[in-house]
Amino acid sequence: MPTQATVPTEPTVPTEPTVPTEPTVPTQARANRGPTAGPDNRRALIAAAREVFSERGFAAPLSAVAKRAGVGQGSLYRHFPDRLALAVAVFDDNIAELEAIAQRPESTLDQLFAAIADQAMGSTALIDTIASHRHDVRAMPLQQRIVGVVGELLDRDRSRGLVRSSVTGDDVTLAIAMLAFALSRTDDADKPETAERARTMFRAAFGS
């Protein structure tokens, strides 16, 4: 029988030489800064608490504050052992802003009311908490600082003839409490109008 013709095979294509891969460099974990991270963590927690409490109320879980700050809960409780301690820290920042206003020579009580209204619109829960713990030794210094700010601006406005001489510091602090109370019980959409109406009333009540 005739033999079957052999089918020619495809020529072998030479393979490319293997390029050696770069050795894998292990990823280094972020260094633990230890105690040096304390001040930064504290600032981050205060900023996060201001946002979380404004968005979700003062009853928001503290775990949400730690998560927003990017720290562990252990770090949170090292700085702030309870919810009131955190509220005091946030409120301390608020008062520092008011003190800065009082230090400006051109500032007036009306500008103080405006600043407090802005703060109250975002921190009414904190204001209520501080007010309800006003006899706590941690909250009392905050009240004294507010009284100091009011006294400084009141004396300045009196000397300029902007308020009546009969207006007292207690009158002003009562007006501030009334403003905060009203805003804490007003819908968010209506708060700017309510704040402006309150300021108009205070101008009429205190103006010379």
N, C-alpha and C. Protein backbone atom coordinates (compact mmCIF):
# COMPACT_ATOMS: atom_id res chain seq x y z
N MET A 1 0.85 -1.19 0.00
CA MET A 1 0.00 0.00 0.00
C MET A 1 0.88 1.23 0.00
N PRO A 2 0.42 2.27 -0.71
CA PRO A 2 1.24 3.49 -0.72
C PRO A 2 1.21 4.15 0.64
N THR A 3 2.33 4.68 1.05
CA THR A 3 2.41 5.38 2.36
C THR A 3 1.74 6.74 2.26
N GLN A 4 1.15 7.17 3.44
CA GLN A 4 0.45 8.46 3.50
C GLN A 4 1.45 9.58 3.60
N ALA A 5 1.18 10.64 2.81
CA ALA A 5 2.12 11.78 2.80
C ALA A 5 2.18 12.42 4.19
N THR A 6 3.38 12.81 4.58
CA THR A 6 3.56 13.46 5.90
C THR A 6 3.17 14.92 5.82
N VAL A 7 2.32 15.37 6.74
CA VAL A 7 1.87 16.77 6.79
C VAL A 7 2.96 17.59 7.47
N PRO A 8 3.48 18.59 6.77
CA PRO A 8 4.57 19.37 7.38
C PRO A 8 4.07 20.15 8.60
N THR A 9 4.86 20.16 9.63
CA THR A 9 4.49 20.89 10.87
C THR A 9 4.86 22.35 10.75
N GLU A 10 4.09 23.21 11.55
CA GLU A 10 4.39 24.65 11.58
C GLU A 10 5.75 24.86 12.21
N PRO A 11 6.48 25.81 11.68
CA PRO A 11 7.80 26.06 12.29
C PRO A 11 7.62 26.59 13.71
N THR A 12 8.49 26.20 14.59
CA THR A 12 8.42 26.63 16.00
C THR A 12 8.87 28.08 16.12
N VAL A 13 7.99 28.88 16.74
CA VAL A 13 8.32 30.31 16.95
C VAL A 13 9.09 30.42 18.25
N PRO A 14 10.24 31.01 18.20
CA PRO A 14 11.02 31.11 19.44
C PRO A 14 10.31 32.01 20.47
N THR A 15 10.31 31.58 21.70
CA THR A 15 9.65 32.36 22.76
C THR A 15 10.52 33.51 23.18
N GLU A 16 9.79 34.61 23.63
CA GLU A 16 10.52 35.77 24.12
C GLU A 16 11.23 35.41 25.42
N PRO A 17 12.40 35.94 25.61
CA PRO A 17 13.09 35.65 26.88
C PRO A 17 12.29 36.22 28.06
N THR A 18 12.26 35.49 29.13
CA THR A 18 11.52 35.91 30.32
C THR A 18 12.22 37.09 30.98
N VAL A 19 11.39 38.16 31.20
CA VAL A 19 11.95 39.34 31.86
C VAL A 19 11.82 39.13 33.37
N PRO A 20 12.91 39.20 34.09
CA PRO A 20 12.81 38.98 35.53
C PRO A 20 11.97 40.07 36.20
N THR A 21 11.10 39.67 37.08
CA THR A 21 10.25 40.63 37.78
C THR A 21 11.02 41.27 38.93
N GLU A 22 10.56 42.51 39.24
CA GLU A 22 11.19 43.19 40.36
C GLU A 22 10.79 42.49 41.65
N PRO A 23 11.69 42.40 42.59
CA PRO A 23 11.31 41.77 43.85
C PRO A 23 10.22 42.57 44.56
N THR A 24 9.28 41.87 45.15
CA THR A 24 8.18 42.53 45.84
C THR A 24 8.67 43.16 47.13
N VAL A 25 8.34 44.46 47.25
CA VAL A 25 8.75 45.16 48.47
C VAL A 25 7.58 45.13 49.43
N PRO A 26 7.77 44.58 50.61
CA PRO A 26 6.63 44.52 51.55
C PRO A 26 6.16 45.91 51.93
N THR A 27 4.80 46.09 51.99
CA THR A 27 4.23 47.37 52.39
C THR A 27 4.43 47.56 53.88
N GLN A 28 4.93 48.73 54.24
CA GLN A 28 5.18 49.01 55.64
C GLN A 28 3.95 49.63 56.27
N ALA A 29 3.53 49.14 57.38
CA ALA A 29 2.37 49.70 58.07
C ALA A 29 2.70 51.11 58.54
N ARG A 30 1.63 51.94 58.60
CA ARG A 30 1.83 53.30 59.06
C ARG A 30 2.34 53.27 60.49
N ALA A 31 3.36 54.04 60.72
CA ALA A 31 3.97 54.04 62.03
C ALA A 31 3.00 54.55 63.09
N ASN A 32 3.02 53.92 64.23
CA ASN A 32 2.21 54.36 65.35
C ASN A 32 2.91 55.53 66.03
N ARG A 33 2.27 56.71 66.01
CA ARG A 33 2.92 57.90 66.55
C ARG A 33 2.86 57.96 68.06
N GLY A 34 2.04 57.09 68.65
CA GLY A 34 2.00 57.04 70.10
C GLY A 34 1.53 58.33 70.72
N PRO A 35 2.14 58.73 71.85
CA PRO A 35 1.68 59.91 72.57
C PRO A 35 1.72 61.20 71.75
N THR A 36 2.59 61.27 70.76
CA THR A 36 2.70 62.51 69.98
C THR A 36 1.44 62.78 69.17
N ALA A 37 0.61 61.76 68.95
CA ALA A 37 -0.62 61.95 68.19
C ALA A 37 -1.75 62.50 69.05
N GLY A 38 -1.55 62.56 70.36
CA GLY A 38 -2.61 62.96 71.27
C GLY A 38 -3.28 64.27 70.94
N PRO A 39 -2.55 65.38 70.82
CA PRO A 39 -3.19 66.67 70.53
C PRO A 39 -3.95 66.67 69.20
N ASP A 40 -3.37 66.03 68.18
CA ASP A 40 -4.06 65.97 66.88
C ASP A 40 -5.34 65.16 66.99
N ASN A 41 -5.29 64.05 67.70
CA ASN A 41 -6.48 63.22 67.87
C ASN A 41 -7.57 63.98 68.63
N ARG A 42 -7.16 64.73 69.63
CA ARG A 42 -8.14 65.49 70.42
C ARG A 42 -8.85 66.52 69.53
N ARG A 43 -8.07 67.25 68.74
CA ARG A 43 -8.66 68.25 67.84
C ARG A 43 -9.60 67.58 66.83
N ALA A 44 -9.18 66.43 66.31
CA ALA A 44 -10.01 65.71 65.34
C ALA A 44 -11.31 65.24 65.98
N LEU A 45 -11.25 64.79 67.22
CA LEU A 45 -12.45 64.33 67.91
C LEU A 45 -13.42 65.48 68.17
N ILE A 46 -12.91 66.64 68.55
CA ILE A 46 -13.78 67.79 68.81
C ILE A 46 -14.47 68.23 67.52
N ALA A 47 -13.70 68.29 66.44
CA ALA A 47 -14.28 68.69 65.15
C ALA A 47 -15.33 67.67 64.70
N ALA A 48 -15.03 66.39 64.89
CA ALA A 48 -15.98 65.34 64.49
C ALA A 48 -17.23 65.39 65.34
N ALA A 49 -17.07 65.63 66.64
CA ALA A 49 -18.23 65.70 67.54
C ALA A 49 -19.14 66.85 67.14
N ARG A 50 -18.55 67.98 66.79
CA ARG A 50 -19.36 69.13 66.38
C ARG A 50 -20.23 68.76 65.17
N GLU A 51 -19.65 68.04 64.20
CA GLU A 51 -20.38 67.66 63.00
C GLU A 51 -21.44 66.59 63.30
N VAL A 52 -21.02 65.55 64.02
CA VAL A 52 -21.93 64.43 64.28
C VAL A 52 -23.11 64.87 65.14
N PHE A 53 -22.85 65.66 66.19
CA PHE A 53 -23.94 66.11 67.05
C PHE A 53 -24.88 67.05 66.30
N SER A 54 -24.32 67.84 65.39
CA SER A 54 -25.16 68.73 64.60
C SER A 54 -26.06 67.93 63.66
N GLU A 55 -25.52 66.87 63.08
CA GLU A 55 -26.25 66.07 62.10
C GLU A 55 -27.24 65.10 62.76
N ARG A 56 -26.83 64.51 63.88
CA ARG A 56 -27.60 63.39 64.44
C ARG A 56 -28.10 63.62 65.86
N GLY A 57 -27.81 64.81 66.41
CA GLY A 57 -28.24 65.09 67.76
C GLY A 57 -27.24 64.62 68.80
N PHE A 58 -27.44 65.10 70.03
CA PHE A 58 -26.46 64.81 71.08
C PHE A 58 -26.47 63.35 71.50
N ALA A 59 -27.55 62.62 71.17
CA ALA A 59 -27.62 61.21 71.53
C ALA A 59 -26.91 60.31 70.52
N ALA A 60 -26.29 60.90 69.52
CA ALA A 60 -25.58 60.10 68.52
C ALA A 60 -24.53 59.23 69.20
N PRO A 61 -24.31 58.01 68.71
CA PRO A 61 -23.32 57.13 69.36
C PRO A 61 -21.92 57.73 69.27
N LEU A 62 -21.18 57.62 70.35
CA LEU A 62 -19.82 58.15 70.36
C LEU A 62 -18.91 57.39 69.39
N SER A 63 -19.30 56.16 69.06
CA SER A 63 -18.53 55.42 68.07
C SER A 63 -18.54 56.14 66.72
N ALA A 64 -19.66 56.84 66.43
CA ALA A 64 -19.75 57.61 65.18
C ALA A 64 -18.78 58.78 65.20
N VAL A 65 -18.59 59.36 66.38
CA VAL A 65 -17.63 60.47 66.51
C VAL A 65 -16.22 59.96 66.28
N ALA A 66 -15.88 58.83 66.89
CA ALA A 66 -14.54 58.26 66.72
C ALA A 66 -14.28 57.90 65.27
N LYS A 67 -15.29 57.33 64.62
CA LYS A 67 -15.13 56.94 63.22
C LYS A 67 -14.93 58.17 62.34
N ARG A 68 -15.71 59.23 62.59
CA ARG A 68 -15.58 60.45 61.79
C ARG A 68 -14.20 61.08 62.00
N ALA A 69 -13.68 60.97 63.21
CA ALA A 69 -12.36 61.54 63.52
C ALA A 69 -11.21 60.69 63.01
N GLY A 70 -11.51 59.43 62.66
CA GLY A 70 -10.46 58.55 62.18
C GLY A 70 -9.58 57.99 63.28
N VAL A 71 -10.15 57.84 64.49
CA VAL A 71 -9.40 57.29 65.61
C VAL A 71 -10.21 56.16 66.22
N GLY A 72 -9.56 55.39 67.08
CA GLY A 72 -10.26 54.31 67.77
C GLY A 72 -11.04 54.82 68.95
N GLN A 73 -11.99 54.00 69.41
CA GLN A 73 -12.79 54.41 70.56
C GLN A 73 -11.95 54.53 71.82
N GLY A 74 -10.89 53.76 71.90
CA GLY A 74 -10.01 53.87 73.05
C GLY A 74 -9.41 55.25 73.15
N SER A 75 -9.02 55.80 72.01
CA SER A 75 -8.47 57.16 71.98
C SER A 75 -9.52 58.16 72.41
N LEU A 76 -10.76 57.96 71.95
CA LEU A 76 -11.84 58.89 72.31
C LEU A 76 -12.02 58.92 73.84
N TYR A 77 -12.09 57.73 74.46
CA TYR A 77 -12.36 57.69 75.90
C TYR A 77 -11.15 58.12 76.73
N ARG A 78 -9.97 58.03 76.16
CA ARG A 78 -8.80 58.57 76.88
C ARG A 78 -8.89 60.08 77.00
N HIS A 79 -9.38 60.73 75.94
CA HIS A 79 -9.51 62.19 75.96
C HIS A 79 -10.79 62.64 76.65
N PHE A 80 -11.88 61.91 76.42
CA PHE A 80 -13.20 62.33 76.91
C PHE A 80 -13.89 61.13 77.55
N PRO A 81 -13.82 61.02 78.87
CA PRO A 81 -14.35 59.83 79.54
C PRO A 81 -15.86 59.65 79.44
N ASP A 82 -16.59 60.74 79.17
CA ASP A 82 -18.03 60.60 79.02
C ASP A 82 -18.54 61.65 78.03
N ARG A 83 -19.82 61.59 77.75
CA ARG A 83 -20.44 62.45 76.74
C ARG A 83 -20.38 63.92 77.15
N LEU A 84 -20.56 64.20 78.44
CA LEU A 84 -20.52 65.59 78.89
C LEU A 84 -19.13 66.19 78.70
N ALA A 85 -18.09 65.40 78.95
CA ALA A 85 -16.73 65.89 78.77
C ALA A 85 -16.50 66.31 77.32
N LEU A 86 -17.06 65.56 76.39
CA LEU A 86 -16.92 65.90 74.97
C LEU A 86 -17.73 67.15 74.64
N ALA A 87 -18.93 67.26 75.21
CA ALA A 87 -19.76 68.45 74.99
C ALA A 87 -19.06 69.70 75.51
N VAL A 88 -18.45 69.59 76.68
CA VAL A 88 -17.73 70.73 77.27
C VAL A 88 -16.59 71.17 76.35
N ALA A 89 -15.89 70.19 75.77
CA ALA A 89 -14.77 70.52 74.88
C ALA A 89 -15.25 71.24 73.63
N VAL A 90 -16.35 70.78 73.05
CA VAL A 90 -16.90 71.44 71.87
C VAL A 90 -17.38 72.84 72.23
N PHE A 91 -18.06 72.96 73.36
CA PHE A 91 -18.58 74.25 73.79
C PHE A 91 -17.45 75.21 74.14
N ASP A 92 -16.36 74.66 74.64
CA ASP A 92 -15.18 75.48 74.94
C ASP A 92 -14.68 76.17 73.67
N ASP A 93 -14.68 75.45 72.56
CA ASP A 93 -14.29 76.05 71.28
C ASP A 93 -15.26 77.15 70.88
N ASN A 94 -16.56 76.92 71.11
CA ASN A 94 -17.55 77.95 70.79
C ASN A 94 -17.29 79.23 71.57
N ILE A 95 -17.00 79.08 72.85
CA ILE A 95 -16.78 80.25 73.68
C ILE A 95 -15.49 80.96 73.29
N ALA A 96 -14.49 80.19 72.88
CA ALA A 96 -13.25 80.81 72.41
C ALA A 96 -13.52 81.72 71.21
N GLU A 97 -14.44 81.30 70.34
CA GLU A 97 -14.82 82.15 69.20
C GLU A 97 -15.49 83.44 69.68
N LEU A 98 -16.34 83.33 70.71
CA LEU A 98 -17.01 84.51 71.25
C LEU A 98 -16.00 85.44 71.93
N GLU A 99 -15.04 84.86 72.61
CA GLU A 99 -14.00 85.67 73.26
C GLU A 99 -13.18 86.43 72.23
N ALA A 100 -12.93 85.79 71.10
CA ALA A 100 -12.19 86.46 70.03
C ALA A 100 -12.99 87.65 69.49
N ILE A 101 -14.30 87.49 69.40
CA ILE A 101 -15.15 88.61 68.96
C ILE A 101 -15.06 89.75 69.96
N ALA A 102 -15.14 89.43 71.25
CA ALA A 102 -15.11 90.47 72.29
C ALA A 102 -13.79 91.23 72.29
N GLN A 103 -12.72 90.60 71.85
CA GLN A 103 -11.41 91.25 71.86
C GLN A 103 -11.25 92.25 70.73
N ARG A 104 -12.13 92.20 69.74
CA ARG A 104 -12.04 93.16 68.65
C ARG A 104 -12.67 94.48 69.08
N PRO A 105 -11.96 95.58 68.98
CA PRO A 105 -12.48 96.86 69.50
C PRO A 105 -13.80 97.29 68.89
N GLU A 106 -14.07 96.90 67.65
CA GLU A 106 -15.28 97.36 66.98
C GLU A 106 -16.50 96.48 67.26
N SER A 107 -16.31 95.38 67.99
CA SER A 107 -17.42 94.45 68.21
C SER A 107 -18.48 95.03 69.13
N THR A 108 -19.72 94.57 68.94
CA THR A 108 -20.87 95.03 69.73
C THR A 108 -21.66 93.83 70.25
N LEU A 109 -22.59 94.10 71.15
CA LEU A 109 -23.47 93.03 71.64
C LEU A 109 -24.29 92.43 70.51
N ASP A 110 -24.69 93.26 69.55
CA ASP A 110 -25.47 92.74 68.44
C ASP A 110 -24.68 91.71 67.64
N GLN A 111 -23.38 91.96 67.47
CA GLN A 111 -22.53 90.98 66.78
C GLN A 111 -22.36 89.72 67.61
N LEU A 112 -22.34 89.88 68.93
CA LEU A 112 -22.28 88.71 69.80
C LEU A 112 -23.53 87.87 69.63
N PHE A 113 -24.71 88.51 69.60
CA PHE A 113 -25.96 87.78 69.40
C PHE A 113 -25.94 87.04 68.06
N ALA A 114 -25.41 87.69 67.03
CA ALA A 114 -25.35 87.05 65.72
C ALA A 114 -24.48 85.81 65.76
N ALA A 115 -23.33 85.90 66.42
CA ALA A 115 -22.41 84.76 66.50
C ALA A 115 -23.03 83.63 67.31
N ILE A 116 -23.69 83.97 68.41
CA ILE A 116 -24.33 82.94 69.23
C ILE A 116 -25.47 82.27 68.46
N ALA A 117 -26.20 83.06 67.69
CA ALA A 117 -27.27 82.47 66.87
C ALA A 117 -26.70 81.48 65.87
N ASP A 118 -25.59 81.84 65.23
CA ASP A 118 -24.95 80.93 64.27
C ASP A 118 -24.53 79.63 64.96
N GLN A 119 -23.94 79.76 66.14
CA GLN A 119 -23.52 78.57 66.87
C GLN A 119 -24.72 77.73 67.30
N ALA A 120 -25.76 78.42 67.79
CA ALA A 120 -26.93 77.70 68.29
C ALA A 120 -27.65 76.95 67.19
N MET A 121 -27.62 77.48 65.98
CA MET A 121 -28.31 76.80 64.88
C MET A 121 -27.66 75.46 64.55
N GLY A 122 -26.38 75.31 64.91
CA GLY A 122 -25.72 74.03 64.66
C GLY A 122 -25.44 73.23 65.91
N SER A 123 -25.66 73.82 67.09
CA SER A 123 -25.28 73.14 68.33
C SER A 123 -26.32 73.26 69.42
N THR A 124 -27.59 73.29 69.06
CA THR A 124 -28.62 73.47 70.09
C THR A 124 -28.60 72.33 71.10
N ALA A 125 -28.32 71.11 70.66
CA ALA A 125 -28.28 69.99 71.58
C ALA A 125 -27.17 70.18 72.61
N LEU A 126 -26.05 70.70 72.17
CA LEU A 126 -24.95 70.94 73.09
C LEU A 126 -25.31 72.01 74.10
N ILE A 127 -25.96 73.08 73.64
CA ILE A 127 -26.36 74.16 74.54
C ILE A 127 -27.31 73.63 75.60
N ASP A 128 -28.28 72.82 75.20
CA ASP A 128 -29.21 72.23 76.15
C ASP A 128 -28.47 71.37 77.17
N THR A 129 -27.49 70.61 76.70
CA THR A 129 -26.75 69.72 77.59
C THR A 129 -25.96 70.50 78.62
N ILE A 130 -25.27 71.54 78.15
CA ILE A 130 -24.49 72.37 79.08
C ILE A 130 -25.43 73.04 80.09
N ALA A 131 -26.56 73.54 79.62
CA ALA A 131 -27.51 74.20 80.51
C ALA A 131 -28.04 73.24 81.57
N SER A 132 -28.30 72.00 81.17
CA SER A 132 -28.85 71.03 82.11
C SER A 132 -27.80 70.54 83.11
N HIS A 133 -26.51 70.79 82.82
CA HIS A 133 -25.42 70.40 83.73
C HIS A 133 -24.68 71.63 84.25
N ARG A 134 -25.42 72.74 84.39
CA ARG A 134 -24.75 74.00 84.72
C ARG A 134 -24.08 73.98 86.09
N HIS A 135 -24.48 73.05 86.97
CA HIS A 135 -23.86 72.96 88.29
C HIS A 135 -22.70 71.97 88.32
N ASP A 136 -22.45 71.33 87.19
CA ASP A 136 -21.30 70.43 87.11
C ASP A 136 -20.02 71.26 87.09
N VAL A 137 -19.01 70.82 87.83
CA VAL A 137 -17.78 71.60 87.94
C VAL A 137 -17.09 71.78 86.60
N ARG A 138 -17.37 70.88 85.65
CA ARG A 138 -16.75 71.02 84.33
C ARG A 138 -17.44 72.07 83.49
N ALA A 139 -18.73 72.30 83.73
CA ALA A 139 -19.49 73.27 82.93
C ALA A 139 -19.45 74.67 83.51
N MET A 140 -19.25 74.79 84.80
CA MET A 140 -19.31 76.10 85.44
C MET A 140 -18.30 77.11 84.87
N PRO A 141 -17.05 76.73 84.59
CA PRO A 141 -16.12 77.71 84.01
C PRO A 141 -16.58 78.27 82.67
N LEU A 142 -17.32 77.47 81.90
CA LEU A 142 -17.82 77.94 80.62
C LEU A 142 -18.82 79.08 80.83
N GLN A 143 -19.68 78.93 81.81
CA GLN A 143 -20.66 79.98 82.10
C GLN A 143 -19.97 81.26 82.55
N GLN A 144 -18.92 81.10 83.35
CA GLN A 144 -18.19 82.27 83.82
C GLN A 144 -17.53 83.01 82.65
N ARG A 145 -17.05 82.25 81.67
CA ARG A 145 -16.43 82.88 80.51
C ARG A 145 -17.46 83.64 79.67
N ILE A 146 -18.65 83.08 79.54
CA ILE A 146 -19.71 83.77 78.80
C ILE A 146 -20.06 85.08 79.51
N VAL A 147 -20.16 85.02 80.83
CA VAL A 147 -20.46 86.23 81.61
C VAL A 147 -19.36 87.27 81.37
N GLY A 148 -18.12 86.84 81.29
CA GLY A 148 -17.02 87.77 81.03
C GLY A 148 -17.13 88.43 79.67
N VAL A 149 -17.47 87.65 78.65
CA VAL A 149 -17.63 88.20 77.30
C VAL A 149 -18.77 89.21 77.28
N VAL A 150 -19.88 88.85 77.88
CA VAL A 150 -21.04 89.75 77.92
C VAL A 150 -20.68 91.05 78.64
N GLY A 151 -20.00 90.93 79.79
CA GLY A 151 -19.65 92.13 80.55
C GLY A 151 -18.75 93.07 79.77
N GLU A 152 -17.78 92.52 79.05
CA GLU A 152 -16.86 93.35 78.27
C GLU A 152 -17.59 94.10 77.17
N LEU A 153 -18.44 93.41 76.44
CA LEU A 153 -19.16 94.06 75.33
C LEU A 153 -20.23 95.02 75.84
N LEU A 154 -20.86 94.67 76.95
CA LEU A 154 -21.88 95.55 77.51
C LEU A 154 -21.27 96.88 77.96
N ASP A 155 -20.14 96.81 78.63
CA ASP A 155 -19.47 98.05 79.06
C ASP A 155 -19.10 98.90 77.84
N ARG A 156 -18.64 98.26 76.79
CA ARG A 156 -18.23 98.99 75.60
C ARG A 156 -19.43 99.65 74.92
N ASP A 157 -20.54 98.89 74.81
CA ASP A 157 -21.73 99.44 74.17
C ASP A 157 -22.33 100.58 75.00
N ARG A 158 -22.27 100.45 76.32
CA ARG A 158 -22.76 101.54 77.17
C ARG A 158 -21.96 102.82 76.92
N SER A 159 -20.64 102.67 76.83
CA SER A 159 -19.80 103.85 76.65
C SER A 159 -20.03 104.51 75.30
N ARG A 160 -20.52 103.76 74.34
CA ARG A 160 -20.81 104.30 73.01
C ARG A 160 -22.25 104.76 72.88
N GLY A 161 -23.03 104.55 73.92
CA GLY A 161 -24.43 104.95 73.85
C GLY A 161 -25.28 104.01 73.02
N LEU A 162 -24.83 102.78 72.85
CA LEU A 162 -25.58 101.83 72.02
C LEU A 162 -26.65 101.09 72.81
N VAL A 163 -26.50 101.01 74.13
CA VAL A 163 -27.51 100.36 74.96
C VAL A 163 -27.83 101.29 76.14
N ARG A 164 -29.00 101.07 76.71
CA ARG A 164 -29.39 101.89 77.85
C ARG A 164 -28.53 101.55 79.07
N SER A 165 -28.33 102.51 79.92
CA SER A 165 -27.51 102.31 81.12
C SER A 165 -28.15 101.34 82.10
N SER A 166 -29.47 101.15 81.99
CA SER A 166 -30.18 100.26 82.91
C SER A 166 -30.02 98.78 82.55
N VAL A 167 -29.51 98.50 81.35
CA VAL A 167 -29.35 97.10 80.92
C VAL A 167 -28.21 96.46 81.72
N THR A 168 -28.45 95.27 82.26
CA THR A 168 -27.45 94.58 83.05
C THR A 168 -26.92 93.34 82.32
N GLY A 169 -25.84 92.83 82.84
CA GLY A 169 -25.29 91.59 82.28
C GLY A 169 -26.26 90.44 82.40
N ASP A 170 -27.00 90.39 83.51
CA ASP A 170 -28.01 89.33 83.67
C ASP A 170 -29.10 89.43 82.60
N ASP A 171 -29.45 90.66 82.21
CA ASP A 171 -30.44 90.84 81.14
C ASP A 171 -29.92 90.21 79.84
N VAL A 172 -28.66 90.46 79.55
CA VAL A 172 -28.08 89.98 78.30
C VAL A 172 -27.95 88.45 78.31
N THR A 173 -27.47 87.88 79.41
CA THR A 173 -27.33 86.43 79.47
C THR A 173 -28.69 85.74 79.42
N LEU A 174 -29.72 86.39 80.00
CA LEU A 174 -31.07 85.84 79.89
C LEU A 174 -31.54 85.86 78.44
N ALA A 175 -31.24 86.94 77.73
CA ALA A 175 -31.61 87.04 76.32
C ALA A 175 -30.91 85.95 75.51
N ILE A 176 -29.64 85.69 75.83
CA ILE A 176 -28.89 84.63 75.13
C ILE A 176 -29.55 83.28 75.38
N ALA A 177 -29.94 83.01 76.63
CA ALA A 177 -30.59 81.74 76.95
C ALA A 177 -31.91 81.61 76.22
N MET A 178 -32.66 82.71 76.14
CA MET A 178 -33.93 82.69 75.42
C MET A 178 -33.72 82.41 73.93
N LEU A 179 -32.68 83.02 73.37
CA LEU A 179 -32.37 82.79 71.96
C LEU A 179 -32.03 81.33 71.70
N ALA A 180 -31.16 80.77 72.54
CA ALA A 180 -30.77 79.37 72.37
C ALA A 180 -31.98 78.44 72.54
N PHE A 181 -32.82 78.75 73.54
CA PHE A 181 -34.01 77.92 73.78
C PHE A 181 -34.94 77.95 72.57
N ALA A 182 -35.18 79.14 72.04
CA ALA A 182 -36.08 79.26 70.89
C ALA A 182 -35.55 78.51 69.68
N LEU A 183 -34.26 78.64 69.42
CA LEU A 183 -33.68 77.98 68.25
C LEU A 183 -33.67 76.46 68.40
N SER A 184 -33.51 76.00 69.63
CA SER A 184 -33.47 74.54 69.85
C SER A 184 -34.81 73.89 69.58
N ARG A 185 -35.86 74.69 69.55
CA ARG A 185 -37.20 74.16 69.33
C ARG A 185 -37.82 74.67 68.04
N THR A 186 -36.95 75.05 67.11
CA THR A 186 -37.40 75.55 65.81
C THR A 186 -36.88 74.64 64.72
N ASP A 187 -37.69 74.39 63.71
CA ASP A 187 -37.24 73.58 62.57
C ASP A 187 -36.05 74.25 61.89
N ASP A 188 -35.15 73.43 61.36
CA ASP A 188 -33.92 73.95 60.76
C ASP A 188 -34.21 75.02 59.71
N ALA A 189 -35.22 74.80 58.89
CA ALA A 189 -35.51 75.74 57.80
C ALA A 189 -35.95 77.10 58.33
N ASP A 190 -36.52 77.12 59.54
CA ASP A 190 -37.04 78.37 60.10
C ASP A 190 -36.08 79.06 61.05
N LYS A 191 -34.95 78.43 61.34
CA LYS A 191 -34.04 78.97 62.35
C LYS A 191 -33.46 80.33 61.98
N PRO A 192 -33.00 80.56 60.73
CA PRO A 192 -32.46 81.89 60.42
C PRO A 192 -33.46 83.02 60.65
N GLU A 193 -34.72 82.80 60.26
CA GLU A 193 -35.75 83.83 60.47
C GLU A 193 -36.00 84.05 61.95
N THR A 194 -36.06 82.96 62.71
CA THR A 194 -36.29 83.08 64.15
C THR A 194 -35.15 83.84 64.82
N ALA A 195 -33.93 83.54 64.42
CA ALA A 195 -32.77 84.22 65.00
C ALA A 195 -32.80 85.71 64.70
N GLU A 196 -33.16 86.07 63.49
CA GLU A 196 -33.21 87.49 63.13
C GLU A 196 -34.33 88.21 63.89
N ARG A 197 -35.46 87.57 64.05
CA ARG A 197 -36.56 88.18 64.81
C ARG A 197 -36.14 88.41 66.27
N ALA A 198 -35.44 87.43 66.84
CA ALA A 198 -34.97 87.57 68.22
C ALA A 198 -33.99 88.72 68.35
N ARG A 199 -33.07 88.84 67.40
CA ARG A 199 -32.10 89.94 67.45
C ARG A 199 -32.80 91.29 67.33
N THR A 200 -33.82 91.37 66.50
CA THR A 200 -34.58 92.62 66.37
C THR A 200 -35.25 92.99 67.69
N MET A 201 -35.79 91.98 68.38
CA MET A 201 -36.41 92.22 69.67
C MET A 201 -35.39 92.70 70.70
N PHE A 202 -34.21 92.10 70.67
CA PHE A 202 -33.18 92.50 71.65
C PHE A 202 -32.71 93.93 71.39
N ARG A 203 -32.59 94.27 70.12
CA ARG A 203 -32.18 95.65 69.81
C ARG A 203 -33.21 96.63 70.37
N ALA A 204 -34.48 96.31 70.18
CA ALA A 204 -35.53 97.21 70.66
C ALA A 204 -35.55 97.26 72.19
N ALA A 205 -35.27 96.14 72.84
CA ALA A 205 -35.34 96.07 74.29
C ALA A 205 -34.12 96.73 74.95
N PHE A 206 -32.95 96.62 74.34
CA PHE A 206 -31.73 97.09 74.98
C PHE A 206 -31.25 98.44 74.44
N GLY A 207 -31.69 98.79 73.23
CA GLY A 207 -31.17 99.99 72.58
C GLY A 207 -31.44 101.27 73.36
N SER A 208 -30.55 102.21 73.21
CA SER A 208 -30.69 103.49 73.94
C SER A 208 -31.67 104.41 73.21
